[in-house]
């Protein structure tokens, strides 16, 4: 049985967004908040999960992560609000 994968957006303490992918959003959030996640988030703790999408495959999640990273700040805000 294949696992699920997720593209996600974290909001950092400084109000910026971080986008990534994982197979376990809660564990990944804990890793980020422990200072062991992405280099970007280490100096912007704490972070909170504000958005995630579920996918069947790792490649789909990675592709969605890339597409989210191409969005403007305003577009990401709208995605987080559920308007996109």
C-alpha atoms as a PDB file:
ATOM      1  CA  UNK A   1       0.000   0.000   0.000  1.00  0.00           C
ATOM      2  CA  UNK A   2       1.444   3.354  -1.052  1.00  0.00           C
ATOM      3  CA  UNK A   3       1.576   6.232   1.375  1.00  0.00           C
ATOM      4  CA  UNK A   4       0.210   9.700   0.906  1.00  0.00           C
ATOM      5  CA  UNK A   5       2.328  12.728   0.107  1.00  0.00           C
ATOM      6  CA  UNK A   6       1.672  16.387   0.795  1.00  0.00           C
ATOM      7  CA  UNK A   7       2.682  19.776  -0.526  1.00  0.00           C
ATOM      8  CA  UNK A   8       2.494  22.302   2.292  1.00  0.00           C
ATOM      9  CA  UNK A   9       2.961  25.933   3.241  1.00  0.00           C
ATOM     10  CA  UNK A  10       4.305  27.043   6.603  1.00  0.00           C
ATOM     11  CA  UNK A  11       3.968  30.551   7.950  1.00  0.00           C
ATOM     12  CA  UNK A  12       7.135  31.598   9.739  1.00  0.00           C
ATOM     13  CA  UNK A  13       7.313  33.818  12.824  1.00  0.00           C
ATOM     14  CA  UNK A  14       8.381  36.759  10.643  1.00  0.00           C
ATOM     15  CA  UNK A  15       5.264  36.357   8.464  1.00  0.00           C
ATOM     16  CA  UNK A  16       7.047  34.818   5.486  1.00  0.00           C
ATOM     17  CA  UNK A  17       6.004  31.566   3.837  1.00  0.00           C
ATOM     18  CA  UNK A  18       7.970  28.358   3.358  1.00  0.00           C
ATOM     19  CA  UNK A  19       6.796  25.702   0.921  1.00  0.00           C
ATOM     20  CA  UNK A  20       7.803  22.054   0.955  1.00  0.00           C
ATOM     21  CA  UNK A  21       6.601  18.476   0.525  1.00  0.00           C
ATOM     22  CA  UNK A  22       6.480  15.530   2.905  1.00  0.00           C
ATOM     23  CA  UNK A  23       4.769  12.221   3.635  1.00  0.00           C
ATOM     24  CA  UNK A  24       3.943  13.272   7.228  1.00  0.00           C
ATOM     25  CA  UNK A  25       2.926  16.932   7.703  1.00  0.00           C
ATOM     26  CA  UNK A  26       2.707  16.815  11.512  1.00  0.00           C
ATOM     27  CA  UNK A  27       6.116  15.188  11.908  1.00  0.00           C
ATOM     28  CA  UNK A  28       7.609  17.626   9.395  1.00  0.00           C
ATOM     29  CA  UNK A  29       6.147  20.574  11.310  1.00  0.00           C
ATOM     30  CA  UNK A  30       7.729  19.252  14.523  1.00  0.00           C
ATOM     31  CA  UNK A  31      11.061  18.848  12.716  1.00  0.00           C
ATOM     32  CA  UNK A  32      10.936  22.440  11.466  1.00  0.00           C
ATOM     33  CA  UNK A  33      10.037  23.775  14.921  1.00  0.00           C
ATOM     34  CA  UNK A  34      12.897  21.780  16.446  1.00  0.00           C
ATOM     35  CA  UNK A  35      15.269  23.748  14.193  1.00  0.00           C
ATOM     36  CA  UNK A  36      16.067  20.683  12.079  1.00  0.00           C
ATOM     37  CA  UNK A  37      13.913  21.492   9.045  1.00  0.00           C
ATOM     38  CA  UNK A  38      14.812  23.687   6.122  1.00  0.00           C
ATOM     39  CA  UNK A  39      17.666  26.144   6.564  1.00  0.00           C
ATOM     40  CA  UNK A  40      15.242  28.975   5.772  1.00  0.00           C
ATOM     41  CA  UNK A  41      12.963  28.193   8.704  1.00  0.00           C
ATOM     42  CA  UNK A  42      15.697  27.747  11.331  1.00  0.00           C
ATOM     43  CA  UNK A  43      16.014  31.479  11.956  1.00  0.00           C
ATOM     44  CA  UNK A  44      12.274  32.137  11.630  1.00  0.00           C
ATOM     45  CA  UNK A  45      10.814  29.959  14.371  1.00  0.00           C
ATOM     46  CA  UNK A  46       8.232  29.079  15.366  1.00  0.00           C
ATOM     47  CA  UNK A  47       6.445  28.067  12.181  1.00  0.00           C
ATOM     48  CA  UNK A  48       2.872  26.915  11.746  1.00  0.00           C
ATOM     49  CA  UNK A  49       1.224  24.833   9.070  1.00  0.00           C
ATOM     50  CA  UNK A  50      -1.250  27.016   7.175  1.00  0.00           C
ATOM     51  CA  UNK A  51      -1.922  24.930   4.048  1.00  0.00           C
ATOM     52  CA  UNK A  52      -1.516  21.414   2.682  1.00  0.00           C
ATOM     53  CA  UNK A  53      -2.669  19.340  -0.275  1.00  0.00           C
ATOM     54  CA  UNK A  54      -2.648  15.545  -0.418  1.00  0.00           C
ATOM     55  CA  UNK A  55      -1.334  13.505  -3.373  1.00  0.00           C
ATOM     56  CA  UNK A  56      -1.006   9.843  -4.261  1.00  0.00           C
ATOM     57  CA  UNK A  57       2.634  10.058  -5.371  1.00  0.00           C
ATOM     58  CA  UNK A  58       5.808  11.815  -4.302  1.00  0.00           C
ATOM     59  CA  UNK A  59       6.245  13.215  -7.807  1.00  0.00           C
ATOM     60  CA  UNK A  60       2.807  14.852  -7.719  1.00  0.00           C
ATOM     61  CA  UNK A  61       3.586  16.478  -4.371  1.00  0.00           C
ATOM     62  CA  UNK A  62       6.982  17.665  -5.596  1.00  0.00           C
ATOM     63  CA  UNK A  63       5.412  19.100  -8.736  1.00  0.00           C
ATOM     64  CA  UNK A  64       2.781  20.958  -6.713  1.00  0.00           C
ATOM     65  CA  UNK A  65       5.484  22.267  -4.368  1.00  0.00           C
ATOM     66  CA  UNK A  66       7.324  23.697  -7.379  1.00  0.00           C
ATOM     67  CA  UNK A  67       4.142  25.313  -8.718  1.00  0.00           C
ATOM     68  CA  UNK A  68       3.323  26.865  -5.341  1.00  0.00           C
ATOM     69  CA  UNK A  69       6.844  28.291  -5.142  1.00  0.00           C
ATOM     70  CA  UNK A  70       6.190  30.075  -8.447  1.00  0.00           C
ATOM     71  CA  UNK A  71       3.209  31.946  -6.975  1.00  0.00           C
ATOM     72  CA  UNK A  72       3.472  35.514  -5.770  1.00  0.00           C
ATOM     73  CA  UNK A  73       3.061  36.302  -2.079  1.00  0.00           C
ATOM     74  CA  UNK A  74      -0.474  37.576  -2.776  1.00  0.00           C
ATOM     75  CA  UNK A  75      -1.364  34.378  -4.667  1.00  0.00           C
ATOM     76  CA  UNK A  76      -0.044  32.254  -1.782  1.00  0.00           C
ATOM     77  CA  UNK A  77      -2.156  34.286   0.650  1.00  0.00           C
ATOM     78  CA  UNK A  78      -5.231  33.600  -1.493  1.00  0.00           C
ATOM     79  CA  UNK A  79      -4.357  29.884  -1.652  1.00  0.00           C
ATOM     80  CA  UNK A  80      -4.028  29.744   2.146  1.00  0.00           C
ATOM     81  CA  UNK A  81      -7.417  31.503   2.486  1.00  0.00           C
ATOM     82  CA  UNK A  82      -8.972  28.952   0.116  1.00  0.00           C
ATOM     83  CA  UNK A  83      -9.697  31.478  -2.629  1.00  0.00           C
ATOM     84  CA  UNK A  84      -7.614  29.727  -5.303  1.00  0.00           C
END
